Amino acid sequence: MTENTINTLEKHVVSARLDDVTEPPPRVPEASADLNPDQREAITQLVRQAKDAGIALTGPDGLLKAFTAQTW
């Protein structure tokens, strides 16, 4: 990181610039992703129906919240 400092009579300004940015490591899927074909098809149908109905997949009124509220 490179840091520059500028002093004036009225203010003190510090700015920084990143020299190198690295990509984060790839995400490892969680064990819960081990679904059988019937489960994957059911999820695909739920998502498709929600999209067709204009329902958000996430968020306060989304499919995910409604689904988890019913299953827990």
PDB file of N, CA and C in Angstrom:
ATOM      1  N   MET A   1       0.848  -1.168   0.000  1.00  0.00           N
ATOM      2  CA  MET A   1       0.000   0.000   0.000  1.00  0.00           C
ATOM      3  C   MET A   1       0.893   1.231   0.000  1.00  0.00           C
ATOM      4  N   THR A   2       0.520   2.188  -0.780  1.00  0.00           N
ATOM      5  CA  THR A   2       1.245   3.447  -0.857  1.00  0.00           C
ATOM      6  C   THR A   2       0.419   4.513  -0.160  1.00  0.00           C
ATOM      7  N   GLU A   3       1.051   5.258   0.742  1.00  0.00           N
ATOM      8  CA  GLU A   3       0.328   6.291   1.470  1.00  0.00           C
ATOM      9  C   GLU A   3       0.929   7.644   1.144  1.00  0.00           C
ATOM     10  N   ASN A   4       0.058   8.590   0.851  1.00  0.00           N
ATOM     11  CA  ASN A   4       0.478   9.959   0.568  1.00  0.00           C
ATOM     12  C   ASN A   4      -0.130  10.876   1.615  1.00  0.00           C
ATOM     13  N   THR A   5       0.669  11.798   2.120  1.00  0.00           N
ATOM     14  CA  THR A   5       0.176  12.759   3.095  1.00  0.00           C
ATOM     15  C   THR A   5       0.400  14.159   2.553  1.00  0.00           C
ATOM     16  N   ILE A   6      -0.639  14.973   2.635  1.00  0.00           N
ATOM     17  CA  ILE A   6      -0.563  16.363   2.183  1.00  0.00           C
ATOM     18  C   ILE A   6      -0.924  17.247   3.373  1.00  0.00           C
ATOM     19  N   ASN A   7      -0.044  18.160   3.726  1.00  0.00           N
ATOM     20  CA  ASN A   7      -0.309  19.090   4.808  1.00  0.00           C
ATOM     21  C   ASN A   7      -0.534  20.473   4.232  1.00  0.00           C
ATOM     22  N   THR A   8      -1.590  21.087   4.654  1.00  0.00           N
ATOM     23  CA  THR A   8      -1.831  22.485   4.305  1.00  0.00           C
ATOM     24  C   THR A   8      -2.136  23.223   5.598  1.00  0.00           C
ATOM     25  N   LEU A   9      -2.268  24.515   5.520  1.00  0.00           N
ATOM     26  CA  LEU A   9      -2.595  25.288   6.712  1.00  0.00           C
ATOM     27  C   LEU A   9      -4.000  24.976   7.209  1.00  0.00           C
ATOM     28  N   GLU A  10      -4.883  24.570   6.311  1.00  0.00           N
ATOM     29  CA  GLU A  10      -6.282  24.378   6.689  1.00  0.00           C
ATOM     30  C   GLU A  10      -6.643  22.932   7.011  1.00  0.00           C
ATOM     31  N   LYS A  11      -5.975  21.959   6.381  1.00  0.00           N
ATOM     32  CA  LYS A  11      -6.378  20.575   6.621  1.00  0.00           C
ATOM     33  C   LYS A  11      -5.219  19.619   6.389  1.00  0.00           C
ATOM     34  N   HIS A  12      -5.371  18.446   6.918  1.00  0.00           N
ATOM     35  CA  HIS A  12      -4.404  17.365   6.793  1.00  0.00           C
ATOM     36  C   HIS A  12      -5.110  16.243   6.031  1.00  0.00           C
ATOM     37  N   VAL A  13      -4.592  15.847   4.878  1.00  0.00           N
ATOM     38  CA  VAL A  13      -5.238  14.840   4.040  1.00  0.00           C
ATOM     39  C   VAL A  13      -4.303  13.648   3.885  1.00  0.00           C
ATOM     40  N   VAL A  14      -4.845  12.459   4.112  1.00  0.00           N
ATOM     41  CA  VAL A  14      -4.095  11.226   3.906  1.00  0.00           C
ATOM     42  C   VAL A  14      -4.870  10.386   2.912  1.00  0.00           C
ATOM     43  N   SER A  15      -4.184   9.929   1.887  1.00  0.00           N
ATOM     44  CA  SER A  15      -4.830   9.032   0.928  1.00  0.00           C
ATOM     45  C   SER A  15      -3.976   7.780   0.795  1.00  0.00           C
ATOM     46  N   ALA A  16      -4.620   6.689   0.448  1.00  0.00           N
ATOM     47  CA  ALA A  16      -3.904   5.425   0.307  1.00  0.00           C
ATOM     48  C   ALA A  16      -4.307   4.763  -0.996  1.00  0.00           C
ATOM     49  N   ARG A  17      -3.367   4.018  -1.575  1.00  0.00           N
ATOM     50  CA  ARG A  17      -3.635   3.283  -2.809  1.00  0.00           C
ATOM     51  C   ARG A  17      -3.129   1.864  -2.616  1.00  0.00           C
ATOM     52  N   LEU A  18      -3.982   0.889  -2.921  1.00  0.00           N
ATOM     53  CA  LEU A  18      -3.561  -0.502  -2.834  1.00  0.00           C
ATOM     54  C   LEU A  18      -2.691  -0.830  -4.030  1.00  0.00           C
ATOM     55  N   ASP A  19      -1.535  -1.409  -3.771  1.00  0.00           N
ATOM     56  CA  ASP A  19      -0.641  -1.781  -4.859  1.00  0.00           C
ATOM     57  C   ASP A  19      -1.058  -3.107  -5.494  1.00  0.00           C
ATOM     58  N   ASP A  20      -1.404  -4.078  -4.678  1.00  0.00           N
ATOM     59  CA  ASP A  20      -1.787  -5.397  -5.180  1.00  0.00           C
ATOM     60  C   ASP A  20      -3.089  -5.832  -4.532  1.00  0.00           C
ATOM     61  N   VAL A  21      -3.972  -6.355  -5.333  1.00  0.00           N
ATOM     62  CA  VAL A  21      -5.221  -6.920  -4.838  1.00  0.00           C
ATOM     63  C   VAL A  21      -5.276  -8.363  -5.306  1.00  0.00           C
ATOM     64  N   THR A  22      -5.499  -9.261  -4.384  1.00  0.00           N
ATOM     65  CA  THR A  22      -5.564 -10.673  -4.746  1.00  0.00           C
ATOM     66  C   THR A  22      -7.007 -11.154  -4.704  1.00  0.00           C
ATOM     67  N   GLU A  23      -7.304 -12.137  -5.529  1.00  0.00           N
ATOM     68  CA  GLU A  23      -8.631 -12.733  -5.559  1.00  0.00           C
ATOM     69  C   GLU A  23      -8.817 -13.590  -4.308  1.00  0.00           C
ATOM     70  N   PRO A  24     -10.034 -13.614  -3.748  1.00  0.00           N
ATOM     71  CA  PRO A  24     -10.267 -14.500  -2.607  1.00  0.00           C
ATOM     72  C   PRO A  24     -10.228 -15.956  -3.063  1.00  0.00           C
ATOM     73  N   PRO A  25      -9.964 -16.869  -2.155  1.00  0.00           N
ATOM     74  CA  PRO A  25      -9.941 -18.286  -2.549  1.00  0.00           C
ATOM     75  C   PRO A  25     -11.336 -18.734  -2.977  1.00  0.00           C
ATOM     76  N   PRO A  26     -11.430 -19.738  -3.834  1.00  0.00           N
ATOM     77  CA  PRO A  26     -12.752 -20.199  -4.273  1.00  0.00           C
ATOM     78  C   PRO A  26     -13.539 -20.759  -3.098  1.00  0.00           C
ATOM     79  N   ARG A  27     -14.851 -20.553  -3.148  1.00  0.00           N
ATOM     80  CA  ARG A  27     -15.716 -21.054  -2.085  1.00  0.00           C
ATOM     81  C   ARG A  27     -15.871 -22.563  -2.207  1.00  0.00           C
ATOM     82  N   VAL A  28     -15.864 -23.206  -1.071  1.00  0.00           N
ATOM     83  CA  VAL A  28     -16.063 -24.650  -1.028  1.00  0.00           C
ATOM     84  C   VAL A  28     -17.539 -24.897  -0.731  1.00  0.00           C
ATOM     85  N   PRO A  29     -18.230 -25.679  -1.571  1.00  0.00           N
ATOM     86  CA  PRO A  29     -19.647 -25.940  -1.302  1.00  0.00           C
ATOM     87  C   PRO A  29     -19.822 -26.637   0.043  1.00  0.00           C
ATOM     88  N   GLU A  30     -20.910 -26.305   0.709  1.00  0.00           N
ATOM     89  CA  GLU A  30     -21.200 -26.921   1.996  1.00  0.00           C
ATOM     90  C   GLU A  30     -21.729 -28.335   1.785  1.00  0.00           C
ATOM     91  N   ALA A  31     -21.642 -29.136   2.815  1.00  0.00           N
ATOM     92  CA  ALA A  31     -22.079 -30.529   2.735  1.00  0.00           C
ATOM     93  C   ALA A  31     -23.565 -30.644   2.426  1.00  0.00           C
ATOM     94  N   SER A  32     -24.358 -29.629   2.774  1.00  0.00           N
ATOM     95  CA  SER A  32     -25.795 -29.695   2.541  1.00  0.00           C
ATOM     96  C   SER A  32     -26.138 -29.664   1.056  1.00  0.00           C
ATOM     97  N   ALA A  33     -25.162 -29.408   0.204  1.00  0.00           N
ATOM     98  CA  ALA A  33     -25.410 -29.373  -1.239  1.00  0.00           C
ATOM     99  C   ALA A  33     -25.545 -30.775  -1.830  1.00  0.00           C
ATOM    100  N   ASP A  34     -25.383 -31.817  -1.019  1.00  0.00           N
ATOM    101  CA  ASP A  34     -25.529 -33.189  -1.493  1.00  0.00           C
ATOM    102  C   ASP A  34     -27.010 -33.544  -1.569  1.00  0.00           C
ATOM    103  N   LEU A  35     -27.638 -33.171  -2.661  1.00  0.00           N
ATOM    104  CA  LEU A  35     -29.062 -33.424  -2.851  1.00  0.00           C
ATOM    105  C   LEU A  35     -29.251 -34.486  -3.914  1.00  0.00           C
ATOM    106  N   ASN A  36     -30.299 -35.279  -3.752  1.00  0.00           N
ATOM    107  CA  ASN A  36     -30.578 -36.277  -4.779  1.00  0.00           C
ATOM    108  C   ASN A  36     -31.314 -35.605  -5.942  1.00  0.00           C
ATOM    109  N   PRO A  37     -31.424 -36.245  -7.078  1.00  0.00           N
ATOM    110  CA  PRO A  37     -32.053 -35.636  -8.258  1.00  0.00           C
ATOM    111  C   PRO A  37     -33.493 -35.171  -8.019  1.00  0.00           C
ATOM    112  N   ASP A  38     -34.267 -35.911  -7.231  1.00  0.00           N
ATOM    113  CA  ASP A  38     -35.647 -35.491  -6.949  1.00  0.00           C
ATOM    114  C   ASP A  38     -35.683 -34.193  -6.150  1.00  0.00           C
ATOM    115  N   GLN A  39     -34.770 -34.046  -5.189  1.00  0.00           N
ATOM    116  CA  GLN A  39     -34.702 -32.817  -4.405  1.00  0.00           C
ATOM    117  C   GLN A  39     -34.289 -31.637  -5.280  1.00  0.00           C
ATOM    118  N   ARG A  40     -33.329 -31.860  -6.145  1.00  0.00           N
ATOM    119  CA  ARG A  40     -32.897 -30.789  -7.053  1.00  0.00           C
ATOM    120  C   ARG A  40     -34.032 -30.367  -7.986  1.00  0.00           C
ATOM    121  N   GLU A  41     -34.799 -31.328  -8.472  1.00  0.00           N
ATOM    122  CA  GLU A  41     -35.928 -31.018  -9.354  1.00  0.00           C
ATOM    123  C   GLU A  41     -36.996 -30.227  -8.601  1.00  0.00           C
ATOM    124  N   ALA A  42     -37.264 -30.591  -7.355  1.00  0.00           N
ATOM    125  CA  ALA A  42     -38.245 -29.858  -6.553  1.00  0.00           C
ATOM    126  C   ALA A  42     -37.802 -28.410  -6.343  1.00  0.00           C
ATOM    127  N   ILE A  43     -36.526 -28.218  -6.057  1.00  0.00           N
ATOM    128  CA  ILE A  43     -35.998 -26.863  -5.876  1.00  0.00           C
ATOM    129  C   ILE A  43     -36.098 -26.079  -7.177  1.00  0.00           C
ATOM    130  N   THR A  44     -35.753 -26.713  -8.283  1.00  0.00           N
ATOM    131  CA  THR A  44     -35.837 -26.056  -9.592  1.00  0.00           C
ATOM    132  C   THR A  44     -37.260 -25.602  -9.869  1.00  0.00           C
ATOM    133  N   GLN A  45     -38.234 -26.446  -9.567  1.00  0.00           N
ATOM    134  CA  GLN A  45     -39.635 -26.090  -9.799  1.00  0.00           C
ATOM    135  C   GLN A  45     -40.075 -24.940  -8.898  1.00  0.00           C
ATOM    136  N   LEU A  46     -39.677 -24.965  -7.619  1.00  0.00           N
ATOM    137  CA  LEU A  46     -40.027 -23.873  -6.709  1.00  0.00           C
ATOM    138  C   LEU A  46     -39.458 -22.543  -7.191  1.00  0.00           C
ATOM    139  N   VAL A  47     -38.210 -22.561  -7.598  1.00  0.00           N
ATOM    140  CA  VAL A  47     -37.562 -21.330  -8.067  1.00  0.00           C
ATOM    141  C   VAL A  47     -38.228 -20.837  -9.341  1.00  0.00           C
ATOM    142  N   ARG A  48     -38.511 -21.741 -10.267  1.00  0.00           N
ATOM    143  CA  ARG A  48     -39.156 -21.359 -11.524  1.00  0.00           C
ATOM    144  C   ARG A  48     -40.537 -20.743 -11.258  1.00  0.00           C
ATOM    145  N   GLN A  49     -41.321 -21.358 -10.379  1.00  0.00           N
ATOM    146  CA  GLN A  49     -42.651 -20.844 -10.062  1.00  0.00           C
ATOM    147  C   GLN A  49     -42.569 -19.473  -9.391  1.00  0.00           C
ATOM    148  N   ALA A  50     -41.606 -19.296  -8.500  1.00  0.00           N
ATOM    149  CA  ALA A  50     -41.442 -18.007  -7.834  1.00  0.00           C
ATOM    150  C   ALA A  50     -41.073 -16.924  -8.836  1.00  0.00           C
ATOM    151  N   LYS A  51     -40.152 -17.230  -9.734  1.00  0.00           N
ATOM    152  CA  LYS A  51     -39.755 -16.247 -10.752  1.00  0.00           C
ATOM    153  C   LYS A  51     -40.929 -15.904 -11.661  1.00  0.00           C
ATOM    154  N   ASP A  52     -41.685 -16.922 -12.086  1.00  0.00           N
ATOM    155  CA  ASP A  52     -42.839 -16.683 -12.956  1.00  0.00           C
ATOM    156  C   ASP A  52     -43.901 -15.828 -12.268  1.00  0.00           C
ATOM    157  N   ALA A  53     -44.018 -15.962 -10.944  1.00  0.00           N
ATOM    158  CA  ALA A  53     -45.006 -15.197 -10.187  1.00  0.00           C
ATOM    159  C   ALA A  53     -44.473 -13.834  -9.750  1.00  0.00           C
ATOM    160  N   GLY A  54     -43.209 -13.544 -10.074  1.00  0.00           N
ATOM    161  CA  GLY A  54     -42.619 -12.260  -9.696  1.00  0.00           C
ATOM    162  C   GLY A  54     -42.213 -12.192  -8.234  1.00  0.00           C
ATOM    163  N   ILE A  55     -42.021 -13.337  -7.609  1.00  0.00           N
ATOM    164  CA  ILE A  55     -41.620 -13.389  -6.203  1.00  0.00           C
ATOM    165  C   ILE A  55     -40.092 -13.363  -6.124  1.00  0.00           C
ATOM    166  N   ALA A  56     -39.574 -12.537  -5.234  1.00  0.00           N
ATOM    167  CA  ALA A  56     -38.125 -12.472  -5.035  1.00  0.00           C
ATOM    168  C   ALA A  56     -37.639 -13.793  -4.457  1.00  0.00           C
ATOM    169  N   LEU A  57     -36.420 -14.168  -4.805  1.00  0.00           N
ATOM    170  CA  LEU A  57     -35.859 -15.400  -4.259  1.00  0.00           C
ATOM    171  C   LEU A  57     -35.318 -15.190  -2.854  1.00  0.00           C
ATOM    172  N   THR A  58     -34.801 -13.992  -2.573  1.00  0.00           N
ATOM    173  CA  THR A  58     -34.270 -13.668  -1.250  1.00  0.00           C
ATOM    174  C   THR A  58     -34.892 -12.369  -0.777  1.00  0.00           C
ATOM    175  N   GLY A  59     -34.639 -12.014   0.463  1.00  0.00           N
ATOM    176  CA  GLY A  59     -35.159 -10.770   1.009  1.00  0.00           C
ATOM    177  C   GLY A  59     -36.309 -11.028   1.963  1.00  0.00           C
ATOM    178  N   PRO A  60     -36.871  -9.967   2.524  1.00  0.00           N
ATOM    179  CA  PRO A  60     -37.903 -10.116   3.554  1.00  0.00           C
ATOM    180  C   PRO A  60     -39.167 -10.821   3.068  1.00  0.00           C
ATOM    181  N   ASP A  61     -39.499 -10.698   1.805  1.00  0.00           N
ATOM    182  CA  ASP A  61     -40.687 -11.355   1.257  1.00  0.00           C
ATOM    183  C   ASP A  61     -40.318 -12.434   0.248  1.00  0.00           C
ATOM    184  N   GLY A  62     -39.109 -12.915   0.306  1.00  0.00           N
ATOM    185  CA  GLY A  62     -38.622 -13.851  -0.698  1.00  0.00           C
ATOM    186  C   GLY A  62     -38.967 -15.305  -0.426  1.00  0.00           C
ATOM    187  N   LEU A  63     -38.756 -16.106  -1.460  1.00  0.00           N
ATOM    188  CA  LEU A  63     -39.019 -17.538  -1.401  1.00  0.00           C
ATOM    189  C   LEU A  63     -38.195 -18.214  -0.304  1.00  0.00           C
ATOM    190  N   LEU A  64     -36.933 -17.868  -0.196  1.00  0.00           N
ATOM    191  CA  LEU A  64     -36.069 -18.505   0.800  1.00  0.00           C
ATOM    192  C   LEU A  64     -36.591 -18.282   2.210  1.00  0.00           C
ATOM    193  N   LYS A  65     -36.992 -17.058   2.527  1.00  0.00           N
ATOM    194  CA  LYS A  65     -37.504 -16.771   3.871  1.00  0.00           C
ATOM    195  C   LYS A  65     -38.800 -17.523   4.124  1.00  0.00           C
ATOM    196  N   ALA A  66     -39.702 -17.540   3.140  1.00  0.00           N
ATOM    197  CA  ALA A  66     -40.965 -18.259   3.304  1.00  0.00           C
ATOM    198  C   ALA A  66     -40.724 -19.755   3.477  1.00  0.00           C
ATOM    199  N   PHE A  67     -39.809 -20.294   2.707  1.00  0.00           N
ATOM    200  CA  PHE A  67     -39.516 -21.723   2.784  1.00  0.00           C
ATOM    201  C   PHE A  67     -38.924 -22.098   4.137  1.00  0.00           C
ATOM    202  N   THR A  68     -37.936 -21.335   4.597  1.00  0.00           N
ATOM    203  CA  THR A  68     -37.308 -21.665   5.877  1.00  0.00           C
ATOM    204  C   THR A  68     -38.264 -21.434   7.041  1.00  0.00           C
ATOM    205  N   ALA A  69     -39.171 -20.479   6.936  1.00  0.00           N
ATOM    206  CA  ALA A  69     -40.149 -20.250   8.001  1.00  0.00           C
ATOM    207  C   ALA A  69     -41.077 -21.453   8.149  1.00  0.00           C
ATOM    208  N   GLN A  70     -41.393 -22.120   7.055  1.00  0.00           N
ATOM    209  CA  GLN A  70     -42.289 -23.275   7.109  1.00  0.00           C
ATOM    210  C   GLN A  70     -41.576 -24.549   7.531  1.00  0.00           C
ATOM    211  N   THR A  71     -40.295 -24.642   7.289  1.00  0.00           N
ATOM    212  CA  THR A  71     -39.590 -25.889   7.580  1.00  0.00           C
ATOM    213  C   THR A  71     -38.936 -25.905   8.951  1.00  0.00           C
ATOM    214  N   TRP A  72     -38.805 -24.782   9.603  1.00  0.00           N
ATOM    215  CA  TRP A  72     -38.186 -24.764  10.933  1.00  0.00           C
ATOM    216  C   TRP A  72     -39.260 -24.624  11.916  1.00  0.00           C
TER     217      TRP A  72
END
